[in-house]
Amino acid sequence: MNVRLTGGICDFTRHIVETCDLDSASIFLCDRVSDKPQLSYLFHTGISEEVKEIYHSKAVFEHDPFTDPRLQEQPDRVDDDGVLVGSDRRVETIAKPTSQYWQFMYHYGIDVIGASTRRLMPGIYSTIGFHRKRAVKRVEPVSMPLLNQLAPRLQDMVAGHMLRDLLDKANGLSTFRTSYFKRTEAASATPLSPRETEIAGLVCQGKLNKEIAYSTGLSEHTVENHLRRIYAKLSIHNRSSLVAYMTR
């Protein structure tokens, strides 16, 4: 899916690329809540159609460390949308240099400078990737302080655009008013499925994901996916909030 951003956002993205001596930038949304991750492109500059098509159709984005919940759901990342560089230890822990993502970038001669990822809700991220071409030799490295100053401003512009876009759609304004002006606690949460209720109960017993996986016969990865869906349904962000919600 491609979403058209306003000219101001596109121009500011190009401004960042030029000012920080980059070659390309990519803005997209990624949903990592479901078992089948989804990608929605918002805007690209300096990225070829072939790269965009393969990154999506070959599911390379599912291996993108900058949208991996194992990284983005960590306490030190939840409210941090600064630019995380590709050489950061946390990124390397998630995705080894031989992963499909890094092989893809190497094949197309893309040097990943880093990415700004804003956590919109558990498992759903707005990501802006910044790149240089490996074949182009530079004297100076990218000014990370400047990039870290500009990237959050761009994230704010994208978030504002998405909110306006949602309100403009059918029932968007009505849903917004119901959610924020007429919402009752009983009506605000989507009911948990029987499996989700079971997992939430085990969390309340103090069980770790590995223990929950063993007792339910699920993989640890599936347990993590269930927890992300539970957090999204209940509009909470961590285990302690889940325990507080379930035991009130």
C-alpha atoms as a PDB file:
ATOM      1  CA  MET A   1       0.000   0.000   0.000  1.00  0.00           C
ATOM      2  CA  ASN A   2       1.268   3.483  -0.839  1.00  0.00           C
ATOM      3  CA  VAL A   3       0.054   6.554   1.034  1.00  0.00           C
ATOM      4  CA  ARG A   4       0.565  10.044  -0.335  1.00  0.00           C
ATOM      5  CA  LEU A   5       2.209  12.441   2.115  1.00  0.00           C
ATOM      6  CA  THR A   6       1.948  16.200   1.857  1.00  0.00           C
ATOM      7  CA  GLY A   7       4.429  18.174  -0.191  1.00  0.00           C
ATOM      8  CA  GLY A   8       5.823  19.770   2.956  1.00  0.00           C
ATOM      9  CA  ILE A   9       6.793  16.398   4.422  1.00  0.00           C
ATOM     10  CA  CYS A  10       8.363  15.258   1.149  1.00  0.00           C
ATOM     11  CA  ASP A  11      10.311  18.512   0.840  1.00  0.00           C
ATOM     12  CA  PHE A  12      11.548  18.283   4.430  1.00  0.00           C
ATOM     13  CA  THR A  13      12.682  14.695   3.844  1.00  0.00           C
ATOM     14  CA  ARG A  14      14.670  15.819   0.800  1.00  0.00           C
ATOM     15  CA  HIS A  15      16.069  18.687   2.878  1.00  0.00           C
ATOM     16  CA  ILE A  16      17.369  16.204   5.455  1.00  0.00           C
ATOM     17  CA  VAL A  17      18.971  14.085   2.741  1.00  0.00           C
ATOM     18  CA  GLU A  18      20.703  17.116   1.237  1.00  0.00           C
ATOM     19  CA  THR A  19      21.690  18.790   4.516  1.00  0.00           C
ATOM     20  CA  CYS A  20      23.121  15.610   6.049  1.00  0.00           C
ATOM     21  CA  ASP A  21      24.895  14.585   2.819  1.00  0.00           C
ATOM     22  CA  LEU A  22      22.848  11.408   2.369  1.00  0.00           C
ATOM     23  CA  ASP A  23      21.721   9.695  -0.825  1.00  0.00           C
ATOM     24  CA  SER A  24      18.310   8.364   0.146  1.00  0.00           C
ATOM     25  CA  ALA A  25      15.621   8.154   2.799  1.00  0.00           C
ATOM     26  CA  SER A  26      12.608   5.909   3.222  1.00  0.00           C
ATOM     27  CA  ILE A  27       9.473   6.475   5.322  1.00  0.00           C
ATOM     28  CA  PHE A  28       7.164   3.555   6.011  1.00  0.00           C
ATOM     29  CA  LEU A  29       4.829   1.972   8.533  1.00  0.00           C
ATOM     30  CA  CYS A  30       5.354  -1.571   9.754  1.00  0.00           C
ATOM     31  CA  ASP A  31       2.864  -3.718  11.636  1.00  0.00           C
ATOM     32  CA  ARG A  32       4.679  -6.452  13.552  1.00  0.00           C
ATOM     33  CA  VAL A  33       1.736  -7.331  15.824  1.00  0.00           C
ATOM     34  CA  SER A  34       0.211 -10.071  13.697  1.00  0.00           C
ATOM     35  CA  ASP A  35       1.801 -13.376  12.700  1.00  0.00           C
ATOM     36  CA  LYS A  36       2.032 -11.952   9.168  1.00  0.00           C
ATOM     37  CA  PRO A  37       3.821  -8.557   9.354  1.00  0.00           C
ATOM     38  CA  GLN A  38       2.572  -5.812   7.050  1.00  0.00           C
ATOM     39  CA  LEU A  39       4.308  -2.902   5.350  1.00  0.00           C
ATOM     40  CA  SER A  40       2.901   0.403   4.115  1.00  0.00           C
ATOM     41  CA  TYR A  41       5.142   2.775   2.173  1.00  0.00           C
ATOM     42  CA  LEU A  42       4.680   6.482   2.871  1.00  0.00           C
ATOM     43  CA  PHE A  43       7.489   8.195   0.948  1.00  0.00           C
ATOM     44  CA  HIS A  44      10.889   7.511  -0.604  1.00  0.00           C
ATOM     45  CA  THR A  45      13.569   9.717  -2.053  1.00  0.00           C
ATOM     46  CA  GLY A  46      16.585   8.282  -3.844  1.00  0.00           C
ATOM     47  CA  ILE A  47      15.244   4.699  -3.664  1.00  0.00           C
ATOM     48  CA  SER A  48      14.728   2.750  -6.887  1.00  0.00           C
ATOM     49  CA  GLU A  49      11.422   1.063  -7.726  1.00  0.00           C
ATOM     50  CA  GLU A  50      13.217  -2.282  -7.876  1.00  0.00           C
ATOM     51  CA  VAL A  51      14.526  -1.934  -4.326  1.00  0.00           C
ATOM     52  CA  LYS A  52      11.091  -0.919  -3.028  1.00  0.00           C
ATOM     53  CA  GLU A  53       9.351  -3.790  -4.796  1.00  0.00           C
ATOM     54  CA  ILE A  54      11.765  -6.495  -3.622  1.00  0.00           C
ATOM     55  CA  TYR A  55      11.997  -5.161  -0.061  1.00  0.00           C
ATOM     56  CA  HIS A  56       8.215  -5.620   0.112  1.00  0.00           C
ATOM     57  CA  SER A  57       7.450  -8.627  -2.104  1.00  0.00           C
ATOM     58  CA  LYS A  58      10.331 -10.764  -0.808  1.00  0.00           C
ATOM     59  CA  ALA A  59       9.418  -9.827   2.783  1.00  0.00           C
ATOM     60  CA  VAL A  60      12.854  -8.362   3.472  1.00  0.00           C
ATOM     61  CA  PHE A  61      11.122  -5.900   5.798  1.00  0.00           C
ATOM     62  CA  GLU A  62      10.274  -8.780   8.132  1.00  0.00           C
ATOM     63  CA  HIS A  63      14.025  -9.069   8.824  1.00  0.00           C
ATOM     64  CA  ASP A  64      14.587  -5.329   9.288  1.00  0.00           C
ATOM     65  CA  PRO A  65      16.208  -4.954  12.729  1.00  0.00           C
ATOM     66  CA  PHE A  66      14.936  -1.381  13.056  1.00  0.00           C
ATOM     67  CA  THR A  67      11.320  -2.625  13.222  1.00  0.00           C
ATOM     68  CA  ASP A  68      11.993  -5.715  15.285  1.00  0.00           C
ATOM     69  CA  PRO A  69       9.859  -5.777  18.474  1.00  0.00           C
ATOM     70  CA  ARG A  70      12.714  -7.445  20.341  1.00  0.00           C
ATOM     71  CA  LEU A  71      14.524  -4.136  19.958  1.00  0.00           C
ATOM     72  CA  GLN A  72      11.741  -1.561  19.827  1.00  0.00           C
ATOM     73  CA  GLU A  73       9.788  -2.902  22.814  1.00  0.00           C
ATOM     74  CA  GLN A  74      12.797  -2.622  25.102  1.00  0.00           C
ATOM     75  CA  PRO A  75      12.287   0.005  27.861  1.00  0.00           C
ATOM     76  CA  ASP A  76      15.126   2.172  26.566  1.00  0.00           C
ATOM     77  CA  ARG A  77      13.597   2.295  23.060  1.00  0.00           C
ATOM     78  CA  VAL A  78       9.866   2.788  23.717  1.00  0.00           C
ATOM     79  CA  ASP A  79      10.003   6.604  23.814  1.00  0.00           C
ATOM     80  CA  ASP A  80      13.190   7.075  21.788  1.00  0.00           C
ATOM     81  CA  ASP A  81      12.761   8.004  18.132  1.00  0.00           C
ATOM     82  CA  GLY A  82      16.286   9.256  17.660  1.00  0.00           C
ATOM     83  CA  VAL A  83      18.397   7.757  14.891  1.00  0.00           C
ATOM     84  CA  LEU A  84      19.729   4.324  15.823  1.00  0.00           C
ATOM     85  CA  VAL A  85      22.840   3.549  13.779  1.00  0.00           C
ATOM     86  CA  GLY A  86      23.332   0.227  12.057  1.00  0.00           C
ATOM     87  CA  SER A  87      26.533  -0.476  13.968  1.00  0.00           C
ATOM     88  CA  ASP A  88      24.803  -0.089  17.341  1.00  0.00           C
ATOM     89  CA  ARG A  89      25.344  -3.129  19.563  1.00  0.00           C
ATOM     90  CA  ARG A  90      21.599  -3.500  20.098  1.00  0.00           C
ATOM     91  CA  VAL A  91      20.989  -3.673  16.344  1.00  0.00           C
ATOM     92  CA  GLU A  92      23.781  -6.192  15.835  1.00  0.00           C
ATOM     93  CA  THR A  93      22.301  -8.363  18.593  1.00  0.00           C
ATOM     94  CA  ILE A  94      18.971  -8.525  16.753  1.00  0.00           C
ATOM     95  CA  ALA A  95      20.265  -9.001  13.203  1.00  0.00           C
ATOM     96  CA  LYS A  96      23.562 -10.667  12.440  1.00  0.00           C
ATOM     97  CA  PRO A  97      25.581  -9.288   9.490  1.00  0.00           C
ATOM     98  CA  THR A  98      24.607 -12.354   7.459  1.00  0.00           C
ATOM     99  CA  SER A  99      20.849 -11.821   7.818  1.00  0.00           C
ATOM    100  CA  GLN A 100      18.583 -11.405   4.817  1.00  0.00           C
ATOM    101  CA  TYR A 101      18.190  -7.685   5.530  1.00  0.00           C
ATOM    102  CA  TRP A 102      21.914  -6.932   5.466  1.00  0.00           C
ATOM    103  CA  GLN A 103      22.485  -9.177   2.441  1.00  0.00           C
ATOM    104  CA  PHE A 104      19.769  -7.244   0.606  1.00  0.00           C
ATOM    105  CA  MET A 105      21.320  -3.879   1.446  1.00  0.00           C
ATOM    106  CA  TYR A 106      24.798  -5.080   0.457  1.00  0.00           C
ATOM    107  CA  HIS A 107      23.506  -6.462  -2.856  1.00  0.00           C
ATOM    108  CA  TYR A 108      22.022  -3.095  -3.823  1.00  0.00           C
ATOM    109  CA  GLY A 109      25.026  -1.101  -2.635  1.00  0.00           C
ATOM    110  CA  ILE A 110      23.150   0.608   0.183  1.00  0.00           C
ATOM    111  CA  ASP A 111      25.060   1.755   3.242  1.00  0.00           C
ATOM    112  CA  VAL A 112      22.521   1.962   6.084  1.00  0.00           C
ATOM    113  CA  ILE A 113      23.383   4.978   8.204  1.00  0.00           C
ATOM    114  CA  GLY A 114      20.553   4.303  10.636  1.00  0.00           C
ATOM    115  CA  ALA A 115      16.844   4.677  11.241  1.00  0.00           C
ATOM    116  CA  SER A 116      14.455   6.671  13.377  1.00  0.00           C
ATOM    117  CA  THR A 117      11.643   4.442  14.613  1.00  0.00           C
ATOM    118  CA  ARG A 118       8.637   5.852  16.457  1.00  0.00           C
ATOM    119  CA  ARG A 119       6.569   3.312  18.362  1.00  0.00           C
ATOM    120  CA  LEU A 120       2.947   4.258  17.607  1.00  0.00           C
ATOM    121  CA  MET A 121       1.675   1.389  19.725  1.00  0.00           C
ATOM    122  CA  PRO A 122       3.098  -2.010  20.692  1.00  0.00           C
ATOM    123  CA  GLY A 123       4.304  -3.700  17.515  1.00  0.00           C
ATOM    124  CA  ILE A 124       3.352  -0.859  15.144  1.00  0.00           C
ATOM    125  CA  TYR A 125       6.099   1.501  14.073  1.00  0.00           C
ATOM    126  CA  SER A 126       6.714   4.552  11.911  1.00  0.00           C
ATOM    127  CA  THR A 127      10.236   4.169  10.558  1.00  0.00           C
ATOM    128  CA  ILE A 128      12.482   6.533   8.622  1.00  0.00           C
ATOM    129  CA  GLY A 129      15.608   4.944   7.181  1.00  0.00           C
ATOM    130  CA  PHE A 130      18.623   7.002   6.090  1.00  0.00           C
ATOM    131  CA  HIS A 131      21.205   5.750   3.622  1.00  0.00           C
ATOM    132  CA  ARG A 132      24.273   6.440   1.543  1.00  0.00           C
ATOM    133  CA  LYS A 133      25.535   4.675  -1.573  1.00  0.00           C
ATOM    134  CA  ARG A 134      28.526   2.493  -0.796  1.00  0.00           C
ATOM    135  CA  ALA A 135      30.089   3.268  -4.164  1.00  0.00           C
ATOM    136  CA  VAL A 136      30.251   7.006  -3.413  1.00  0.00           C
ATOM    137  CA  LYS A 137      33.343   7.883  -1.397  1.00  0.00           C
ATOM    138  CA  ARG A 138      32.942  10.638   1.184  1.00  0.00           C
ATOM    139  CA  VAL A 139      35.509  12.569   3.150  1.00  0.00           C
ATOM    140  CA  GLU A 140      33.213  13.444   6.036  1.00  0.00           C
ATOM    141  CA  PRO A 141      30.955  11.099   8.029  1.00  0.00           C
ATOM    142  CA  VAL A 142      27.272  11.905   8.504  1.00  0.00           C
ATOM    143  CA  SER A 143      26.623  14.508  11.192  1.00  0.00           C
ATOM    144  CA  MET A 144      24.624  12.372  13.621  1.00  0.00           C
ATOM    145  CA  PRO A 145      23.799  15.279  15.993  1.00  0.00           C
ATOM    146  CA  LEU A 146      22.154  17.118  13.096  1.00  0.00           C
ATOM    147  CA  LEU A 147      20.359  13.995  11.880  1.00  0.00           C
ATOM    148  CA  ASN A 148      19.122  13.307  15.410  1.00  0.00           C
ATOM    149  CA  GLN A 149      17.794  16.848  15.572  1.00  0.00           C
ATOM    150  CA  LEU A 150      15.921  16.669  12.256  1.00  0.00           C
ATOM    151  CA  ALA A 151      14.550  13.104  12.329  1.00  0.00           C
ATOM    152  CA  PRO A 152      12.136  13.564  15.286  1.00  0.00           C
ATOM    153  CA  ARG A 153      10.752  16.700  13.617  1.00  0.00           C
ATOM    154  CA  LEU A 154      10.027  14.633  10.523  1.00  0.00           C
ATOM    155  CA  GLN A 155       8.393  11.954  12.693  1.00  0.00           C
ATOM    156  CA  ASP A 156       6.137  14.646  14.197  1.00  0.00           C
ATOM    157  CA  MET A 157       5.109  15.792  10.718  1.00  0.00           C
ATOM    158  CA  VAL A 158       4.324  12.225   9.613  1.00  0.00           C
ATOM    159  CA  ALA A 159       2.317  11.514  12.792  1.00  0.00           C
ATOM    160  CA  GLY A 160       0.314  14.708  12.331  1.00  0.00           C
ATOM    161  CA  HIS A 161      -0.418  13.784   8.724  1.00  0.00           C
ATOM    162  CA  MET A 162      -1.606  10.297   9.695  1.00  0.00           C
ATOM    163  CA  LEU A 163      -3.970  11.702  12.333  1.00  0.00           C
ATOM    164  CA  ARG A 164      -5.490  14.171   9.886  1.00  0.00           C
ATOM    165  CA  ASP A 165      -5.782  11.427   7.267  1.00  0.00           C
ATOM    166  CA  LEU A 166      -7.622   9.138   9.691  1.00  0.00           C
ATOM    167  CA  LEU A 167     -10.030  11.897  10.723  1.00  0.00           C
ATOM    168  CA  ASP A 168     -10.816  12.653   7.086  1.00  0.00           C
ATOM    169  CA  LYS A 169     -11.843   9.074   6.342  1.00  0.00           C
ATOM    170  CA  ALA A 170     -15.372   7.732   6.705  1.00  0.00           C
ATOM    171  CA  ASN A 171     -16.386   7.529  10.386  1.00  0.00           C
ATOM    172  CA  GLY A 172     -12.920   8.737  11.361  1.00  0.00           C
ATOM    173  CA  LEU A 173     -14.091  11.810  13.234  1.00  0.00           C
ATOM    174  CA  SER A 174     -16.962   9.883  14.804  1.00  0.00           C
ATOM    175  CA  THR A 175     -14.586   7.175  16.008  1.00  0.00           C
ATOM    176  CA  PHE A 176     -12.204   9.789  17.384  1.00  0.00           C
ATOM    177  CA  ARG A 177     -14.964  11.525  19.325  1.00  0.00           C
ATOM    178  CA  THR A 178     -16.303   8.257  20.675  1.00  0.00           C
ATOM    179  CA  SER A 179     -12.857   7.126  21.718  1.00  0.00           C
ATOM    180  CA  TYR A 180     -11.721  10.329  23.397  1.00  0.00           C
ATOM    181  CA  PHE A 181     -14.842  12.192  24.470  1.00  0.00           C
ATOM    182  CA  LYS A 182     -17.486   9.534  25.156  1.00  0.00           C
ATOM    183  CA  ARG A 183     -15.401   6.522  26.017  1.00  0.00           C
ATOM    184  CA  THR A 184     -16.339   4.414  28.992  1.00  0.00           C
ATOM    185  CA  GLU A 185     -13.837   2.051  30.519  1.00  0.00           C
ATOM    186  CA  ALA A 186     -16.028  -0.966  29.790  1.00  0.00           C
ATOM    187  CA  ALA A 187     -16.326  -0.140  26.112  1.00  0.00           C
ATOM    188  CA  SER A 188     -12.728   0.928  25.484  1.00  0.00           C
ATOM    189  CA  ALA A 189     -11.013  -2.459  25.475  1.00  0.00           C
ATOM    190  CA  THR A 190     -11.388  -5.141  22.818  1.00  0.00           C
ATOM    191  CA  PRO A 191     -12.217  -8.480  24.480  1.00  0.00           C
ATOM    192  CA  LEU A 192      -9.371 -10.948  24.776  1.00  0.00           C
ATOM    193  CA  SER A 193      -9.626 -14.312  23.039  1.00  0.00           C
ATOM    194  CA  PRO A 194      -9.640 -17.466  25.232  1.00  0.00           C
ATOM    195  CA  ARG A 195      -5.965 -18.077  24.408  1.00  0.00           C
ATOM    196  CA  GLU A 196      -5.048 -14.461  25.181  1.00  0.00           C
ATOM    197  CA  THR A 197      -6.950 -14.678  28.477  1.00  0.00           C
ATOM    198  CA  GLU A 198      -5.022 -17.855  29.327  1.00  0.00           C
ATOM    199  CA  ILE A 199      -1.669 -16.218  28.583  1.00  0.00           C
ATOM    200  CA  ALA A 200      -2.615 -13.068  30.501  1.00  0.00           C
ATOM    201  CA  GLY A 201      -3.494 -15.257  33.498  1.00  0.00           C
ATOM    202  CA  LEU A 202      -0.114 -16.993  33.347  1.00  0.00           C
ATOM    203  CA  VAL A 203       1.635 -13.612  33.215  1.00  0.00           C
ATOM    204  CA  CYS A 204      -0.287 -12.647  36.359  1.00  0.00           C
ATOM    205  CA  GLN A 205       1.116 -15.793  37.998  1.00  0.00           C
ATOM    206  CA  GLY A 206       4.605 -14.445  37.348  1.00  0.00           C
ATOM    207  CA  LYS A 207       5.418 -16.883  34.535  1.00  0.00           C
ATOM    208  CA  LEU A 208       8.130 -15.973  32.035  1.00  0.00           C
ATOM    209  CA  ASN A 209       7.527 -16.311  28.279  1.00  0.00           C
ATOM    210  CA  LYS A 210       9.594 -19.497  28.167  1.00  0.00           C
ATOM    211  CA  GLU A 211       7.493 -21.017  30.967  1.00  0.00           C
ATOM    212  CA  ILE A 212       4.261 -19.928  29.307  1.00  0.00           C
ATOM    213  CA  ALA A 213       5.392 -21.490  26.033  1.00  0.00           C
ATOM    214  CA  TYR A 214       6.129 -24.789  27.783  1.00  0.00           C
ATOM    215  CA  SER A 215       2.815 -24.954  29.663  1.00  0.00           C
ATOM    216  CA  THR A 216       0.676 -23.981  26.650  1.00  0.00           C
ATOM    217  CA  GLY A 217       2.538 -25.976  24.005  1.00  0.00           C
ATOM    218  CA  LEU A 218       3.264 -22.825  21.990  1.00  0.00           C
ATOM    219  CA  SER A 219       6.569 -21.490  20.745  1.00  0.00           C
ATOM    220  CA  GLU A 220       8.119 -18.620  22.659  1.00  0.00           C
ATOM    221  CA  HIS A 221       7.782 -16.467  19.519  1.00  0.00           C
ATOM    222  CA  THR A 222       4.019 -17.159  19.386  1.00  0.00           C
ATOM    223  CA  VAL A 223       3.684 -16.246  23.058  1.00  0.00           C
ATOM    224  CA  GLU A 224       5.424 -12.932  22.328  1.00  0.00           C
ATOM    225  CA  ASN A 225       2.993 -12.273  19.459  1.00  0.00           C
ATOM    226  CA  HIS A 226       0.016 -12.999  21.722  1.00  0.00           C
ATOM    227  CA  LEU A 227       1.371 -10.597  24.323  1.00  0.00           C
ATOM    228  CA  ARG A 228       1.788  -7.832  21.740  1.00  0.00           C
ATOM    229  CA  ARG A 229      -1.839  -8.314  20.680  1.00  0.00           C
ATOM    230  CA  ILE A 230      -2.968  -8.265  24.318  1.00  0.00           C
ATOM    231  CA  TYR A 231      -1.068  -5.027  24.931  1.00  0.00           C
ATOM    232  CA  ALA A 232      -2.573  -3.472  21.805  1.00  0.00           C
ATOM    233  CA  LYS A 233      -6.136  -4.492  22.745  1.00  0.00           C
ATOM    234  CA  LEU A 234      -5.840  -3.199  26.296  1.00  0.00           C
ATOM    235  CA  SER A 235      -3.835  -0.073  25.366  1.00  0.00           C
ATOM    236  CA  ILE A 236      -1.040  -0.997  27.780  1.00  0.00           C
ATOM    237  CA  HIS A 237       2.684  -1.370  27.259  1.00  0.00           C
ATOM    238  CA  ASN A 238       4.234  -3.939  29.580  1.00  0.00           C
ATOM    239  CA  ARG A 239       3.722  -6.922  31.886  1.00  0.00           C
ATOM    240  CA  SER A 240       3.292  -4.890  35.042  1.00  0.00           C
ATOM    241  CA  SER A 241       0.480  -2.888  33.422  1.00  0.00           C
ATOM    242  CA  LEU A 242      -1.127  -6.157  32.309  1.00  0.00           C
ATOM    243  CA  VAL A 243      -0.998  -7.550  35.842  1.00  0.00           C
ATOM    244  CA  ALA A 244      -2.491  -4.338  37.194  1.00  0.00           C
ATOM    245  CA  TYR A 245      -5.261  -4.443  34.568  1.00  0.00           C
ATOM    246  CA  MET A 246      -6.136  -8.097  35.130  1.00  0.00           C
ATOM    247  CA  THR A 247      -6.125  -7.921  38.936  1.00  0.00           C
ATOM    248  CA  ARG A 248      -7.980  -4.692  39.534  1.00  0.00           C
END
